[in-house]
Amino acid sequence: MGPRGKAGRCGVTGKRRFRDKAECLQVLHAAAAARHHSDTDDEACRRREVRSYFCRGCHGWHTTSQRESAPA
């Protein structure tokens, strides 16, 4: 399996691969909206994505639930 993986997945991380940052930002916006709606409806939500990053392995973009760490 190459760096782009199968069916939109990264061959390095196994995460869903997005073609550009704009596409990632749309997904992050949808995740934030889902979290907001679940909070207002008092329901559980599994969406945890909070930021995007460029993957040097597949040259695509991924989302993550990890917040950026403070510089050391």
N, C-alpha and C. Protein backbone atom coordinates (compact mmCIF):
# COMPACT_ATOMS: atom_id res chain seq x y z
N MET A 1 0.86 -1.18 0.00
CA MET A 1 0.00 0.00 0.00
C MET A 1 0.90 1.23 0.00
N GLY A 2 0.60 2.19 -0.86
CA GLY A 2 1.38 3.41 -0.97
C GLY A 2 1.04 4.41 0.11
N PRO A 3 1.67 5.60 0.05
CA PRO A 3 1.44 6.59 1.09
C PRO A 3 0.01 7.10 1.15
N ARG A 4 -0.72 6.99 0.05
CA ARG A 4 -2.10 7.48 0.08
C ARG A 4 -3.07 6.44 0.64
N GLY A 5 -2.64 5.22 0.79
CA GLY A 5 -3.49 4.20 1.40
C GLY A 5 -4.66 3.80 0.51
N LYS A 6 -5.65 3.18 1.13
CA LYS A 6 -6.82 2.70 0.40
C LYS A 6 -8.02 3.56 0.72
N ALA A 7 -8.86 3.80 -0.26
CA ALA A 7 -10.17 4.45 -0.09
C ALA A 7 -10.11 5.71 0.76
N GLY A 8 -9.19 6.63 0.42
CA GLY A 8 -9.13 7.89 1.14
C GLY A 8 -8.46 7.82 2.49
N ARG A 9 -7.70 6.76 2.74
CA ARG A 9 -6.99 6.62 4.01
C ARG A 9 -5.50 6.81 3.78
N CYS A 10 -4.83 7.32 4.79
CA CYS A 10 -3.38 7.51 4.74
C CYS A 10 -2.70 6.16 4.94
N GLY A 11 -1.74 5.84 4.10
CA GLY A 11 -1.00 4.60 4.23
C GLY A 11 -0.02 4.60 5.39
N VAL A 12 0.25 5.77 5.96
CA VAL A 12 1.19 5.89 7.07
C VAL A 12 0.45 5.84 8.41
N THR A 13 -0.59 6.66 8.55
CA THR A 13 -1.30 6.77 9.83
C THR A 13 -2.58 5.96 9.89
N GLY A 14 -3.15 5.64 8.72
CA GLY A 14 -4.44 4.96 8.67
C GLY A 14 -5.62 5.91 8.85
N LYS A 15 -5.33 7.19 9.06
CA LYS A 15 -6.39 8.18 9.24
C LYS A 15 -7.03 8.55 7.90
N ARG A 16 -8.22 9.10 7.99
CA ARG A 16 -8.90 9.61 6.80
C ARG A 16 -8.08 10.74 6.20
N ARG A 17 -7.91 10.71 4.88
CA ARG A 17 -7.07 11.68 4.18
C ARG A 17 -7.94 12.69 3.45
N PHE A 18 -7.64 13.97 3.65
CA PHE A 18 -8.34 15.05 2.95
C PHE A 18 -7.37 15.70 1.99
N ARG A 19 -7.89 16.18 0.86
CA ARG A 19 -7.02 16.71 -0.19
C ARG A 19 -6.42 18.07 0.13
N ASP A 20 -7.13 18.88 0.96
CA ASP A 20 -6.59 20.21 1.28
C ASP A 20 -7.11 20.68 2.64
N LYS A 21 -6.56 21.78 3.11
CA LYS A 21 -6.92 22.30 4.42
C LYS A 21 -8.38 22.75 4.46
N ALA A 22 -8.87 23.30 3.36
CA ALA A 22 -10.27 23.75 3.31
C ALA A 22 -11.23 22.59 3.58
N GLU A 23 -10.95 21.44 2.99
CA GLU A 23 -11.80 20.27 3.21
C GLU A 23 -11.75 19.84 4.68
N CYS A 24 -10.58 19.90 5.28
CA CYS A 24 -10.42 19.58 6.71
C CYS A 24 -11.21 20.56 7.56
N LEU A 25 -11.15 21.83 7.23
CA LEU A 25 -11.87 22.83 8.02
C LEU A 25 -13.38 22.62 7.97
N GLN A 26 -13.89 22.16 6.83
CA GLN A 26 -15.31 21.83 6.73
C GLN A 26 -15.67 20.70 7.68
N VAL A 27 -14.82 19.70 7.77
CA VAL A 27 -15.05 18.57 8.67
C VAL A 27 -14.98 19.03 10.12
N LEU A 28 -14.02 19.89 10.44
CA LEU A 28 -13.91 20.41 11.81
C LEU A 28 -15.13 21.23 12.19
N HIS A 29 -15.63 22.01 11.25
CA HIS A 29 -16.84 22.81 11.49
C HIS A 29 -18.04 21.89 11.76
N ALA A 30 -18.17 20.84 10.97
CA ALA A 30 -19.27 19.89 11.15
C ALA A 30 -19.16 19.18 12.51
N ALA A 31 -17.94 18.85 12.92
CA ALA A 31 -17.74 18.21 14.22
C ALA A 31 -18.11 19.15 15.35
N ALA A 32 -17.73 20.42 15.25
CA ALA A 32 -18.07 21.40 16.28
C ALA A 32 -19.58 21.59 16.36
N ALA A 33 -20.23 21.62 15.21
CA ALA A 33 -21.69 21.77 15.19
C ALA A 33 -22.36 20.55 15.82
N ALA A 34 -21.86 19.36 15.53
CA ALA A 34 -22.42 18.14 16.11
C ALA A 34 -22.26 18.15 17.63
N ARG A 35 -21.09 18.58 18.11
CA ARG A 35 -20.87 18.67 19.56
C ARG A 35 -21.82 19.68 20.19
N HIS A 36 -22.00 20.81 19.53
CA HIS A 36 -22.89 21.84 20.05
C HIS A 36 -24.32 21.32 20.15
N HIS A 37 -24.79 20.69 19.07
CA HIS A 37 -26.17 20.18 19.06
C HIS A 37 -26.36 19.08 20.09
N SER A 38 -25.36 18.24 20.27
CA SER A 38 -25.51 17.17 21.25
C SER A 38 -25.53 17.75 22.67
N ASP A 39 -24.77 18.83 22.90
CA ASP A 39 -24.80 19.49 24.21
C ASP A 39 -26.16 20.10 24.48
N THR A 40 -26.72 20.77 23.49
CA THR A 40 -28.02 21.43 23.69
C THR A 40 -29.16 20.41 23.80
N ASP A 41 -28.99 19.26 23.15
CA ASP A 41 -30.01 18.21 23.22
C ASP A 41 -29.75 17.23 24.37
N ASP A 42 -28.67 17.48 25.12
CA ASP A 42 -28.28 16.63 26.26
C ASP A 42 -28.06 15.18 25.82
N GLU A 43 -27.34 15.01 24.71
CA GLU A 43 -27.02 13.70 24.17
C GLU A 43 -25.51 13.55 24.06
N ALA A 44 -25.04 12.32 24.00
CA ALA A 44 -23.62 12.06 23.84
C ALA A 44 -23.20 12.29 22.38
N CYS A 45 -21.97 12.72 22.20
CA CYS A 45 -21.41 12.93 20.86
C CYS A 45 -20.00 12.36 20.83
N ARG A 46 -19.70 11.61 19.79
CA ARG A 46 -18.38 10.99 19.67
C ARG A 46 -17.40 11.85 18.88
N ARG A 47 -17.86 12.96 18.32
CA ARG A 47 -16.98 13.81 17.50
C ARG A 47 -16.03 14.58 18.39
N ARG A 48 -14.74 14.37 18.23
CA ARG A 48 -13.73 15.01 19.08
C ARG A 48 -12.69 15.81 18.29
N GLU A 49 -12.81 15.84 16.98
CA GLU A 49 -11.81 16.53 16.17
C GLU A 49 -11.75 18.01 16.54
N VAL A 50 -10.55 18.55 16.72
CA VAL A 50 -10.41 19.96 17.08
C VAL A 50 -9.44 20.73 16.20
N ARG A 51 -8.60 20.03 15.44
CA ARG A 51 -7.67 20.75 14.57
C ARG A 51 -7.25 19.87 13.40
N SER A 52 -6.63 20.52 12.42
CA SER A 52 -6.14 19.80 11.25
C SER A 52 -4.62 19.93 11.19
N TYR A 53 -4.00 19.03 10.44
CA TYR A 53 -2.55 19.11 10.24
C TYR A 53 -2.17 18.46 8.91
N PHE A 54 -1.06 18.92 8.37
CA PHE A 54 -0.54 18.38 7.12
C PHE A 54 0.30 17.15 7.43
N CYS A 55 0.07 16.07 6.68
CA CYS A 55 0.82 14.82 6.88
C CYS A 55 1.93 14.73 5.83
N ARG A 56 3.14 14.66 6.28
CA ARG A 56 4.28 14.54 5.34
C ARG A 56 4.35 13.15 4.73
N GLY A 57 3.70 12.18 5.37
CA GLY A 57 3.72 10.81 4.86
C GLY A 57 2.90 10.63 3.60
N CYS A 58 1.69 11.21 3.57
CA CYS A 58 0.81 11.02 2.40
C CYS A 58 0.57 12.33 1.64
N HIS A 59 1.12 13.42 2.14
CA HIS A 59 0.97 14.75 1.54
C HIS A 59 -0.49 15.18 1.47
N GLY A 60 -1.26 14.71 2.45
CA GLY A 60 -2.66 15.11 2.57
C GLY A 60 -2.87 15.77 3.93
N TRP A 61 -4.11 15.99 4.28
CA TRP A 61 -4.47 16.63 5.55
C TRP A 61 -5.28 15.65 6.38
N HIS A 62 -5.12 15.74 7.70
CA HIS A 62 -5.85 14.91 8.64
C HIS A 62 -6.45 15.80 9.72
N THR A 63 -7.45 15.26 10.43
CA THR A 63 -7.98 15.91 11.62
C THR A 63 -7.51 15.12 12.83
N THR A 64 -7.47 15.80 13.98
CA THR A 64 -7.07 15.14 15.21
C THR A 64 -7.83 15.72 16.39
N SER A 65 -7.96 14.93 17.43
CA SER A 65 -8.58 15.41 18.66
C SER A 65 -7.51 15.98 19.60
N GLN A 66 -6.25 15.83 19.23
CA GLN A 66 -5.16 16.34 20.06
C GLN A 66 -5.02 17.84 19.89
N ARG A 67 -4.98 18.54 20.99
CA ARG A 67 -4.71 19.98 20.96
C ARG A 67 -3.22 20.17 20.72
N GLU A 68 -2.84 21.31 20.17
CA GLU A 68 -1.43 21.58 19.97
C GLU A 68 -0.74 21.67 21.31
N SER A 69 0.41 21.06 21.40
CA SER A 69 1.16 21.13 22.65
C SER A 69 1.95 22.43 22.70
N ALA A 70 2.21 22.89 23.91
CA ALA A 70 3.00 24.11 24.09
C ALA A 70 4.45 23.84 23.70
N PRO A 71 5.12 24.83 23.10
CA PRO A 71 6.52 24.63 22.74
C PRO A 71 7.38 24.37 23.95
N ALA A 72 8.35 23.49 23.79
CA ALA A 72 9.24 23.14 24.92
C ALA A 72 10.32 24.17 25.13
